[in-house]
Protein backbone atom coordinates (compact mmCIF):
# COMPACT_ATOMS: atom_id res chain seq x y z
CA MET A 1 26.45 19.99 -5.84
CA THR A 2 24.15 22.76 -5.08
CA SER A 3 23.94 24.01 -1.43
CA ALA A 4 21.36 22.77 0.83
CA SER A 5 18.20 24.88 1.33
CA PRO A 6 18.34 27.10 4.40
CA ALA A 7 16.64 25.93 7.66
CA PRO A 8 12.98 27.01 7.96
CA SER A 9 12.42 30.08 10.08
CA LEU A 10 10.54 29.99 13.49
CA ARG A 11 7.37 31.30 11.79
CA GLU A 12 7.55 28.56 9.18
CA ARG A 13 8.21 25.85 11.74
CA LYS A 14 5.08 26.98 13.61
CA LYS A 15 3.10 26.88 10.45
CA ILE A 16 4.39 23.32 9.83
CA ARG A 17 3.48 22.23 13.37
CA THR A 18 -0.01 23.56 12.98
CA ARG A 19 -0.49 21.79 9.68
CA GLN A 20 0.74 18.58 11.27
CA THR A 21 -1.54 18.98 14.28
CA ILE A 22 -4.61 19.44 11.99
CA ARG A 23 -3.63 16.51 9.77
CA ARG A 24 -3.11 14.08 12.64
CA ALA A 25 -6.39 15.03 14.20
CA ALA A 26 -8.07 14.47 10.81
CA TYR A 27 -6.45 11.17 10.23
CA ARG A 28 -7.60 9.99 13.70
CA LEU A 29 -11.10 11.05 12.96
CA PHE A 30 -11.18 9.49 9.45
CA ALA A 31 -9.90 6.19 10.91
CA GLU A 32 -12.55 6.28 13.64
CA HIS A 33 -15.63 7.56 11.86
CA GLY A 34 -14.79 7.41 8.09
CA TYR A 35 -13.92 10.18 5.73
CA ASP A 36 -17.29 11.23 4.67
CA ALA A 37 -18.80 11.29 8.16
CA THR A 38 -16.04 13.55 9.41
CA ARG A 39 -16.77 17.33 9.31
CA VAL A 40 -14.20 20.04 9.17
CA ASP A 41 -15.55 21.65 12.37
CA THR A 42 -15.08 18.37 14.11
CA ILE A 43 -11.45 18.21 12.91
CA ALA A 44 -10.90 21.87 14.04
CA ALA A 45 -12.16 20.99 17.50
CA ALA A 46 -9.92 17.93 17.79
CA ALA A 47 -6.88 19.94 16.64
CA GLU A 48 -7.93 22.92 19.08
CA VAL A 49 -8.03 25.45 16.25
CA SER A 50 -10.97 27.30 14.55
CA PRO A 51 -12.62 25.99 11.35
CA SER A 52 -11.15 29.05 9.57
CA THR A 53 -7.60 28.06 10.52
CA VAL A 54 -8.25 24.64 9.01
CA PHE A 55 -9.28 26.20 5.81
CA ARG A 56 -6.36 28.61 5.81
CA TYR A 57 -3.85 25.74 5.89
CA PHE A 58 -6.14 23.37 3.79
CA PRO A 59 -8.48 24.99 1.23
CA THR A 60 -10.58 21.72 1.18
CA LYS A 61 -11.02 18.66 3.20
CA GLU A 62 -9.51 16.71 0.39
CA ASP A 63 -6.16 18.80 0.78
CA ILE A 64 -5.70 17.38 4.31
CA VAL A 65 -5.08 14.04 2.51
CA VAL A 66 -3.34 14.97 -0.71
CA THR A 67 -0.91 17.70 0.58
CA ASP A 68 2.04 17.15 2.96
CA GLU A 69 5.53 18.46 3.93
CA ASP A 70 7.30 16.28 1.46
CA ASP A 71 7.98 18.82 -1.34
CA PRO A 72 10.73 20.95 0.50
CA VAL A 73 12.54 17.79 1.64
CA PHE A 74 12.41 16.27 -1.86
CA GLU A 75 13.43 19.41 -3.63
CA ALA A 76 16.49 19.83 -1.36
CA ALA A 77 17.44 16.17 -1.80
CA LEU A 78 17.16 16.44 -5.57
CA ARG A 79 19.22 19.68 -5.75
CA SER A 80 21.99 18.10 -3.60
CA ARG A 81 22.54 15.31 -6.06
CA PRO A 82 25.65 15.58 -8.31
CA ALA A 83 25.21 18.04 -11.18
CA ASP A 84 26.37 15.45 -13.88
CA GLU A 85 23.98 12.71 -12.59
CA ALA A 86 21.34 11.51 -15.07
CA PRO A 87 17.89 13.05 -14.29
CA LEU A 88 16.10 9.78 -13.61
CA THR A 89 19.07 8.55 -11.44
CA ALA A 90 19.06 11.82 -9.40
CA LEU A 91 15.16 11.64 -9.03
CA ARG A 92 15.25 8.07 -7.97
CA ALA A 93 17.88 8.76 -5.15
CA ALA A 94 15.95 11.96 -4.05
CA ILE A 95 12.65 9.95 -3.68
CA HIS A 96 14.37 7.38 -1.73
CA GLN A 97 16.05 9.95 0.46
CA THR A 98 12.69 11.64 1.06
CA LEU A 99 11.05 8.34 1.99
CA ASP A 100 13.90 7.42 4.35
CA GLU A 101 13.82 10.84 6.08
CA LEU A 102 10.00 11.19 6.46
CA TYR A 103 8.63 7.75 6.74
CA VAL A 104 10.80 5.81 9.24
CA THR A 105 8.50 5.44 12.15
CA PRO A 106 5.49 3.04 12.39
CA GLU A 107 3.24 6.05 13.03
CA ALA A 108 4.48 7.83 9.91
CA MET A 109 3.91 4.63 7.79
CA ALA A 110 0.47 4.09 9.35
CA GLU A 111 -0.49 7.68 8.16
CA VAL A 112 0.79 6.98 4.79
CA HIS A 113 -1.27 3.76 4.56
CA LEU A 114 -4.40 5.54 5.73
CA ARG A 115 -3.83 8.30 3.15
CA MET A 116 -3.39 5.79 0.31
CA ARG A 117 -6.45 3.74 1.32
CA LEU A 118 -8.49 7.03 1.26
CA VAL A 119 -6.99 8.05 -2.16
CA ALA A 120 -7.91 4.66 -3.57
CA THR A 121 -11.54 4.71 -2.17
CA VAL A 122 -12.74 8.27 -2.13
CA PRO A 123 -13.40 9.70 -5.63
CA THR A 124 -13.18 13.37 -4.54
CA ILE A 125 -9.73 12.79 -3.06
CA ARG A 126 -8.46 11.28 -6.37
CA ALA A 127 -9.93 14.21 -8.20
CA ARG A 128 -8.18 16.68 -5.90
CA MET A 129 -4.92 14.84 -6.19
CA LYS A 130 -5.04 15.26 -10.01
CA GLU A 131 -5.87 18.87 -9.64
CA ASN A 132 -2.77 19.44 -7.40
CA ALA A 133 -0.56 17.64 -9.99
CA ALA A 134 0.25 21.11 -11.49
CA ALA A 135 2.08 22.13 -8.32
CA ASN A 136 4.19 18.97 -8.45
CA ALA A 137 4.92 19.61 -12.05
CA ASP A 138 6.09 23.18 -11.27
CA LEU A 139 8.52 21.77 -8.51
CA LEU A 140 10.04 19.22 -10.82
CA THR A 141 10.25 21.71 -13.67
CA ARG A 142 12.18 24.20 -11.48
CA ALA A 143 14.57 21.53 -10.31
CA LEU A 144 15.15 19.90 -13.79
CA THR A 145 15.53 23.15 -15.50
CA ALA A 146 18.55 24.04 -13.46
CA ARG A 147 19.98 20.35 -13.85
CA THR A 148 19.36 19.71 -17.55
CA GLY A 149 19.54 23.18 -19.09
CA HIS A 150 16.22 22.65 -20.88
CA ALA A 151 13.87 25.74 -20.84
CA ALA A 152 10.94 25.36 -18.39
CA ASP A 153 8.43 25.61 -21.35
CA SER A 154 10.41 23.24 -23.61
CA LEU A 155 8.36 20.22 -24.99
CA GLU A 156 11.05 17.88 -24.01
CA LEU A 157 10.97 18.80 -20.33
CA ARG A 158 7.23 19.03 -20.34
CA VAL A 159 6.80 15.54 -21.70
CA PHE A 160 9.50 14.17 -19.24
CA VAL A 161 7.87 15.84 -16.20
CA GLY A 162 4.35 14.70 -17.29
CA SER A 163 5.47 11.22 -17.82
CA LEU A 164 7.30 11.15 -14.41
CA ILE A 165 4.33 12.43 -12.44
CA GLY A 166 1.95 10.13 -14.25
CA GLY A 167 4.21 7.05 -13.71
CA LEU A 168 4.66 7.89 -10.03
CA THR A 169 1.00 8.51 -9.56
CA GLU A 170 0.07 5.16 -11.02
CA ALA A 171 2.73 3.46 -8.89
CA LEU A 172 1.04 4.89 -5.79
CA MET A 173 -2.34 3.86 -7.02
CA TYR A 174 -1.14 0.37 -7.73
CA TRP A 175 0.36 0.08 -4.17
CA ALA A 176 -3.02 1.31 -2.59
CA GLU A 177 -5.17 -1.07 -4.77
CA SER A 178 -2.97 -4.05 -4.18
CA GLY A 179 -3.24 -3.78 -0.35
CA LEU A 180 -0.22 -1.59 0.50
CA GLU A 181 1.79 -4.81 1.12
CA GLU A 182 4.70 -4.39 -1.24
CA ASP A 183 7.57 -2.04 -0.51
CA VAL A 184 6.65 1.38 -1.96
CA ARG A 185 10.42 1.98 -2.71
CA THR A 186 10.34 -1.16 -4.94
CA LEU A 187 7.30 0.16 -6.81
CA VAL A 188 8.79 3.61 -7.38
CA ASP A 189 11.86 1.91 -8.83
CA ARG A 190 9.78 -0.32 -11.09
CA ALA A 191 7.83 2.77 -12.34
CA MET A 192 11.08 4.66 -13.12
CA THR A 193 12.55 1.59 -14.82
CA VAL A 194 9.57 1.69 -17.18
CA LEU A 195 10.21 5.32 -17.97
CA ASP A 196 13.95 4.61 -18.51
CA ARG A 197 13.60 1.53 -20.67
CA ASP A 198 10.10 1.70 -22.06
CA LEU A 199 8.46 -1.73 -22.06
CA ALA A 200 11.39 -3.57 -23.44
CA ASP A 201 11.75 -5.95 -20.36
């Protein structure tokens, strides 16, 4: 197994807290007034920061919804999996671990539900999520290059990563569009089973 990532520095922890404060203020306002009616300067005032600080952490209002602190947790979970584990098995376990670590409280799940409802109903957020897919692809490519030995620019790895991101994105959209009533872990498993077995079942 690879070693765990080092703990974030004090500076990084402060940045994470500021991001979370801005995001939580935004979610509260989105829930009360709607996404389109909520201005960035209103979010800044509620978070007790300047509008320029909001834009420093979130270049667009849509980024408040589509970005989160999941990536370092997921990458550390994936890198901690046994080196001889099949890629999809390792990815499935890392996703479950990330969900279990970050989304265990009712408040956290309420935020996830609000985010997914916004993704499902606001076209600009869906568009921004697609734009940000490249960053997710880079993260997976880094982790899987070390795990599989495939070159980062190999066709096989690019197809695998693209299929995985597309499958997980569709699973989340299905979850949002079907009312968020199913367990997201089950839907993630179903999506990864399709990638593993094709449509044979």
